[in-house]
C-alpha atoms as a PDB file:
ATOM      1  CA  MET A   1     -18.057   2.171  38.561  1.00  0.00           C
ATOM      2  CA  VAL A   2     -18.085   3.166  34.999  1.00  0.00           C
ATOM      3  CA  GLN A   3     -17.035   7.197  35.497  1.00  0.00           C
ATOM      4  CA  ALA A   4     -13.432   5.179  37.877  1.00  0.00           C
ATOM      5  CA  LEU A   5     -12.886   3.020  34.482  1.00  0.00           C
ATOM      6  CA  ASP A   6     -12.619   5.771  32.741  1.00  0.00           C
ATOM      7  CA  ASN A   7     -10.153   7.327  34.935  1.00  0.00           C
ATOM      8  CA  LEU A   8      -8.138   4.270  34.976  1.00  0.00           C
ATOM      9  CA  GLN A   9      -8.575   2.518  30.928  1.00  0.00           C
ATOM     10  CA  ARG A  10      -5.279   4.752  30.553  1.00  0.00           C
ATOM     11  CA  LEU A  11      -3.402   2.702  33.246  1.00  0.00           C
ATOM     12  CA  THR A  12       0.254   4.186  32.689  1.00  0.00           C
ATOM     13  CA  PRO A  13       3.232   1.862  33.561  1.00  0.00           C
ATOM     14  CA  SER A  14       3.423   4.282  37.013  1.00  0.00           C
ATOM     15  CA  GLN A  15      -0.332   4.103  38.043  1.00  0.00           C
ATOM     16  CA  GLY A  16      -0.038   0.301  37.342  1.00  0.00           C
ATOM     17  CA  VAL A  17       3.184   0.045  39.580  1.00  0.00           C
ATOM     18  CA  LEU A  18       1.018   2.247  41.825  1.00  0.00           C
ATOM     19  CA  LEU A  19      -1.441  -0.401  41.734  1.00  0.00           C
ATOM     20  CA  TYR A  20       1.062  -3.279  42.923  1.00  0.00           C
ATOM     21  CA  ARG A  21       2.402  -1.306  45.419  1.00  0.00           C
ATOM     22  CA  LEU A  22      -0.883  -0.807  47.084  1.00  0.00           C
ATOM     23  CA  VAL A  23      -1.292  -4.542  47.239  1.00  0.00           C
ATOM     24  CA  ASP A  24       1.962  -4.136  49.060  1.00  0.00           C
ATOM     25  CA  LEU A  25       1.053  -2.006  51.254  1.00  0.00           C
ATOM     26  CA  GLY A  26      -2.247  -3.814  51.932  1.00  0.00           C
ATOM     27  CA  TYR A  27      -5.039  -1.455  50.752  1.00  0.00           C
ATOM     28  CA  LEU A  28      -5.652  -4.076  47.740  1.00  0.00           C
ATOM     29  CA  THR A  29      -5.520  -6.971  46.858  1.00  0.00           C
ATOM     30  CA  GLN A  30      -3.930  -8.637  44.291  1.00  0.00           C
ATOM     31  CA  ALA A  31      -7.337 -10.201  43.101  1.00  0.00           C
ATOM     32  CA  GLN A  32      -8.541  -6.793  42.874  1.00  0.00           C
ATOM     33  CA  VAL A  33      -6.294  -5.651  40.455  1.00  0.00           C
ATOM     34  CA  GLU A  34      -6.432  -8.189  38.833  1.00  0.00           C
ATOM     35  CA  GLU A  35      -9.749  -7.921  38.088  1.00  0.00           C
ATOM     36  CA  LEU A  36      -9.832  -4.543  37.187  1.00  0.00           C
ATOM     37  CA  ILE A  37      -6.535  -5.466  34.657  1.00  0.00           C
ATOM     38  CA  ASP A  38      -9.101  -8.189  33.151  1.00  0.00           C
ATOM     39  CA  ARG A  39     -12.347  -5.987  33.322  1.00  0.00           C
ATOM     40  CA  LEU A  40     -10.006  -3.086  31.258  1.00  0.00           C
ATOM     41  CA  THR A  41      -9.175  -5.875  29.039  1.00  0.00           C
ATOM     42  CA  ASP A  42     -12.513  -6.928  28.475  1.00  0.00           C
ATOM     43  CA  ASP A  43     -13.877  -3.616  27.986  1.00  0.00           C
ATOM     44  CA  ARG A  44     -11.798  -2.794  25.633  1.00  0.00           C
ATOM     45  CA  PHE A  45     -11.584  -5.908  23.409  1.00  0.00           C
ATOM     46  CA  ALA A  46     -15.261  -5.478  22.869  1.00  0.00           C
ATOM     47  CA  LYS A  47     -14.727  -1.647  21.551  1.00  0.00           C
ATOM     48  CA  ALA A  48     -12.571  -3.595  18.884  1.00  0.00           C
ATOM     49  CA  MET A  49     -15.281  -6.530  18.416  1.00  0.00           C
ATOM     50  CA  ASP A  50     -18.013  -3.082  18.351  1.00  0.00           C
ATOM     51  CA  TYR A  51     -16.008  -1.582  15.555  1.00  0.00           C
ATOM     52  CA  LEU A  52     -15.475  -4.281  13.498  1.00  0.00           C
ATOM     53  CA  SER A  53     -19.223  -5.644  13.158  1.00  0.00           C
ATOM     54  CA  PHE A  54     -19.833  -2.064  12.528  1.00  0.00           C
ATOM     55  CA  ALA A  55     -17.681  -2.661   9.661  1.00  0.00           C
ATOM     56  CA  GLN A  56     -19.204  -6.202   8.388  1.00  0.00           C
ATOM     57  CA  GLN A  57     -22.082  -4.739   7.858  1.00  0.00           C
ATOM     58  CA  LEU A  58     -21.500  -1.954   5.810  1.00  0.00           C
ATOM     59  CA  ASP A  59     -21.612  -2.669   1.812  1.00  0.00           C
ATOM     60  CA  SER A  60     -17.965  -3.100   0.516  1.00  0.00           C
ATOM     61  CA  GLY A  61     -18.963  -2.375  -2.695  1.00  0.00           C
ATOM     62  CA  ALA A  62     -20.316   1.032  -2.263  1.00  0.00           C
ATOM     63  CA  THR A  63     -17.728   3.273  -2.784  1.00  0.00           C
ATOM     64  CA  LEU A  64     -18.374   6.010  -0.222  1.00  0.00           C
ATOM     65  CA  ASN A  65     -18.122   2.972   2.151  1.00  0.00           C
ATOM     66  CA  GLN A  66     -15.060   1.512   1.825  1.00  0.00           C
ATOM     67  CA  PRO A  67     -12.936   4.794   3.519  1.00  0.00           C
ATOM     68  CA  HIS A  68     -14.954   3.744   7.038  1.00  0.00           C
ATOM     69  CA  ILE A  69     -14.310   0.466   6.359  1.00  0.00           C
ATOM     70  CA  ILE A  70     -10.786   0.970   6.313  1.00  0.00           C
ATOM     71  CA  SER A  71     -11.180   3.286   9.464  1.00  0.00           C
ATOM     72  CA  CYS A  72     -13.514   0.984  11.653  1.00  0.00           C
ATOM     73  CA  CYS A  73     -11.068  -1.925  10.799  1.00  0.00           C
ATOM     74  CA  TYR A  74      -7.830   0.103  12.253  1.00  0.00           C
ATOM     75  CA  TYR A  75      -9.463   1.040  14.776  1.00  0.00           C
ATOM     76  CA  ALA A  76     -10.569  -2.558  15.404  1.00  0.00           C
ATOM     77  CA  MET A  77      -7.262  -3.620  15.382  1.00  0.00           C
ATOM     78  CA  TYR A  78      -6.777  -0.791  17.133  1.00  0.00           C
ATOM     79  CA  HIS A  79      -8.005  -1.269  20.627  1.00  0.00           C
ATOM     80  CA  ALA A  80      -7.141  -5.016  19.964  1.00  0.00           C
ATOM     81  CA  ALA A  81      -4.130  -4.404  20.334  1.00  0.00           C
ATOM     82  CA  ARG A  82      -4.414  -1.944  23.198  1.00  0.00           C
ATOM     83  CA  ALA A  83      -6.153  -4.860  25.330  1.00  0.00           C
ATOM     84  CA  LEU A  84      -3.741  -7.526  24.355  1.00  0.00           C
ATOM     85  CA  VAL A  85      -0.576  -5.139  25.509  1.00  0.00           C
ATOM     86  CA  LEU A  86      -2.958  -3.815  27.982  1.00  0.00           C
ATOM     87  CA  HIS A  87      -3.287  -6.842  29.801  1.00  0.00           C
ATOM     88  CA  VAL A  88       0.707  -8.456  28.845  1.00  0.00           C
ATOM     89  CA  ARG A  89       2.499  -5.688  29.955  1.00  0.00           C
ATOM     90  CA  ARG A  90      -0.276  -4.200  33.091  1.00  0.00           C
ATOM     91  CA  ALA A  91      -0.425  -0.910  31.583  1.00  0.00           C
ATOM     92  CA  ASP A  92      -2.368   1.324  28.831  1.00  0.00           C
ATOM     93  CA  LEU A  93      -0.101   2.318  25.309  1.00  0.00           C
ATOM     94  CA  ASP A  94      -2.075   4.595  23.837  1.00  0.00           C
ATOM     95  CA  ASP A  95       0.658   5.685  20.704  1.00  0.00           C
ATOM     96  CA  HIS A  96      -0.531   5.039  17.518  1.00  0.00           C
ATOM     97  CA  GLU A  97       2.810   4.641  16.807  1.00  0.00           C
ATOM     98  CA  ARG A  98       4.141   2.486  19.755  1.00  0.00           C
ATOM     99  CA  LEU A  99       1.706  -0.067  20.047  1.00  0.00           C
ATOM    100  CA  PRO A 100       2.850  -1.230  16.531  1.00  0.00           C
ATOM    101  CA  VAL A 101       6.220  -1.980  17.845  1.00  0.00           C
ATOM    102  CA  ALA A 102       4.821  -3.382  21.843  1.00  0.00           C
ATOM    103  CA  LEU A 103       2.127  -5.727  19.723  1.00  0.00           C
ATOM    104  CA  SER A 104       5.351  -6.539  17.331  1.00  0.00           C
ATOM    105  CA  GLN A 105       6.985  -7.925  20.989  1.00  0.00           C
ATOM    106  CA  VAL A 106       3.819 -10.386  22.000  1.00  0.00           C
ATOM    107  CA  LEU A 107       2.527 -11.728  19.016  1.00  0.00           C
ATOM    108  CA  GLY A 108       5.247 -11.163  16.661  1.00  0.00           C
ATOM    109  CA  THR A 109       6.427  -8.887  13.338  1.00  0.00           C
ATOM    110  CA  ASP A 110       4.193  -9.649  11.314  1.00  0.00           C
ATOM    111  CA  TYR A 111       0.882  -8.483  13.886  1.00  0.00           C
ATOM    112  CA  GLY A 112       2.833  -5.329  14.456  1.00  0.00           C
ATOM    113  CA  ASP A 113       3.333  -4.468  10.765  1.00  0.00           C
ATOM    114  CA  ILE A 114      -0.398  -5.229   9.498  1.00  0.00           C
ATOM    115  CA  LEU A 115      -1.505  -2.518  12.428  1.00  0.00           C
ATOM    116  CA  ALA A 116       1.218   0.021  11.317  1.00  0.00           C
ATOM    117  CA  GLN A 117       0.533  -0.740   7.690  1.00  0.00           C
ATOM    118  CA  TRP A 118      -3.789   0.181   8.251  1.00  0.00           C
ATOM    119  CA  ARG A 119      -2.830   3.022  10.717  1.00  0.00           C
ATOM    120  CA  GLU A 120      -1.485   4.525   7.384  1.00  0.00           C
ATOM    121  CA  MET A 121      -3.866   3.565   4.956  1.00  0.00           C
ATOM    122  CA  ARG A 122      -6.516   4.666   7.731  1.00  0.00           C
ATOM    123  CA  ASN A 123      -4.060   8.323   7.828  1.00  0.00           C
ATOM    124  CA  ARG A 124      -4.167   7.966   3.782  1.00  0.00           C
ATOM    125  CA  VAL A 125      -8.370   7.670   3.819  1.00  0.00           C
ATOM    126  CA  ASP A 126      -9.527   9.781   6.101  1.00  0.00           C
ATOM    127  CA  TYR A 127      -7.013  12.435   5.723  1.00  0.00           C
ATOM    128  CA  SER A 128      -6.058  12.578   1.643  1.00  0.00           C
ATOM    129  CA  PRO A 129      -8.769  13.709  -0.250  1.00  0.00           C
ATOM    130  CA  TYR A 130      -6.955  11.417  -2.906  1.00  0.00           C
ATOM    131  CA  MET A 131      -8.210   7.369  -2.175  1.00  0.00           C
ATOM    132  CA  PRO A 132      -6.576   4.872  -3.254  1.00  0.00           C
ATOM    133  CA  VAL A 133      -6.820   2.973  -7.149  1.00  0.00           C
ATOM    134  CA  ASP A 134      -7.401  -0.307  -5.466  1.00  0.00           C
ATOM    135  CA  LEU A 135      -9.797   0.779  -2.193  1.00  0.00           C
ATOM    136  CA  ALA A 136     -12.601  -1.697  -3.658  1.00  0.00           C
ATOM    137  CA  ARG A 137      -9.102  -3.991  -2.726  1.00  0.00           C
ATOM    138  CA  GLN A 138      -8.152  -2.052   0.169  1.00  0.00           C
ATOM    139  CA  ALA A 139     -11.443  -2.392   2.056  1.00  0.00           C
ATOM    140  CA  THR A 140     -12.032  -5.753   1.557  1.00  0.00           C
ATOM    141  CA  THR A 141      -8.769  -7.002   2.925  1.00  0.00           C
ATOM    142  CA  ALA A 142      -8.758  -4.449   6.071  1.00  0.00           C
ATOM    143  CA  LEU A 143     -12.101  -7.075   6.877  1.00  0.00           C
ATOM    144  CA  SER A 144      -9.792  -9.784   6.752  1.00  0.00           C
ATOM    145  CA  ASP A 145      -6.473  -8.937   8.268  1.00  0.00           C
ATOM    146  CA  ALA A 146      -8.966  -7.058  10.908  1.00  0.00           C
ATOM    147  CA  THR A 147     -10.682 -10.709  11.270  1.00  0.00           C
ATOM    148  CA  THR A 148      -7.129 -12.068  11.240  1.00  0.00           C
ATOM    149  CA  LEU A 149      -5.847  -9.901  14.742  1.00  0.00           C
ATOM    150  CA  LEU A 150      -8.449 -10.190  15.916  1.00  0.00           C
ATOM    151  CA  THR A 151      -9.083 -13.642  16.086  1.00  0.00           C
ATOM    152  CA  ALA A 152      -5.054 -13.789  16.721  1.00  0.00           C
ATOM    153  CA  CYS A 153      -5.437 -11.248  19.975  1.00  0.00           C
ATOM    154  CA  ARG A 154      -8.830 -12.717  21.676  1.00  0.00           C
ATOM    155  CA  ASN A 155      -6.693 -16.421  21.359  1.00  0.00           C
ATOM    156  CA  GLU A 156      -2.983 -14.614  23.090  1.00  0.00           C
ATOM    157  CA  LEU A 157      -5.776 -13.160  25.229  1.00  0.00           C
ATOM    158  CA  ARG A 158      -7.426 -16.614  25.947  1.00  0.00           C
ATOM    159  CA  ASN A 159      -3.886 -18.226  26.131  1.00  0.00           C
ATOM    160  CA  ARG A 160      -2.863 -15.801  28.867  1.00  0.00           C
ATOM    161  CA  GLY A 161      -5.874 -15.851  30.708  1.00  0.00           C
ATOM    162  CA  ALA A 162      -8.648 -13.382  30.033  1.00  0.00           C
ATOM    163  CA  GLY A 163     -11.858 -14.295  30.471  1.00  0.00           C
ATOM    164  CA  LEU A 164     -13.250 -12.652  27.542  1.00  0.00           C
END
């Protein structure tokens, strides 16, 4: 079952259409497709929570941890956004540049902007040898923003009927 879910976790729009076509043809039930989408959504959101939990466990006062906190917080937000977009669109979107736009359409521009901002910061701390002067503040803000974005995604998922 895990291998089958792994193969479907990047459900494209055309694959989603195919699933619903299989419902129309009687090979699958609507309930089976909804159960699959719910499982993928739940598992993706759980991954987001794992990233946030790990980031929260790191000592944000230790300079060496600060880039890792930012990176983990970004990936927490990224996976939460993917879970929400999957649940709403019935298709996965894993493109780091397009996901903030899709999130904006579902939750509002502020959340899409937050995700895009942290993607840029994550790229900076992951790839540049030059860290921001205010790295400690950035790490603290990343934790706060990630908590806010994940809460908003969880609330929206629940409002839309996701089990979580």
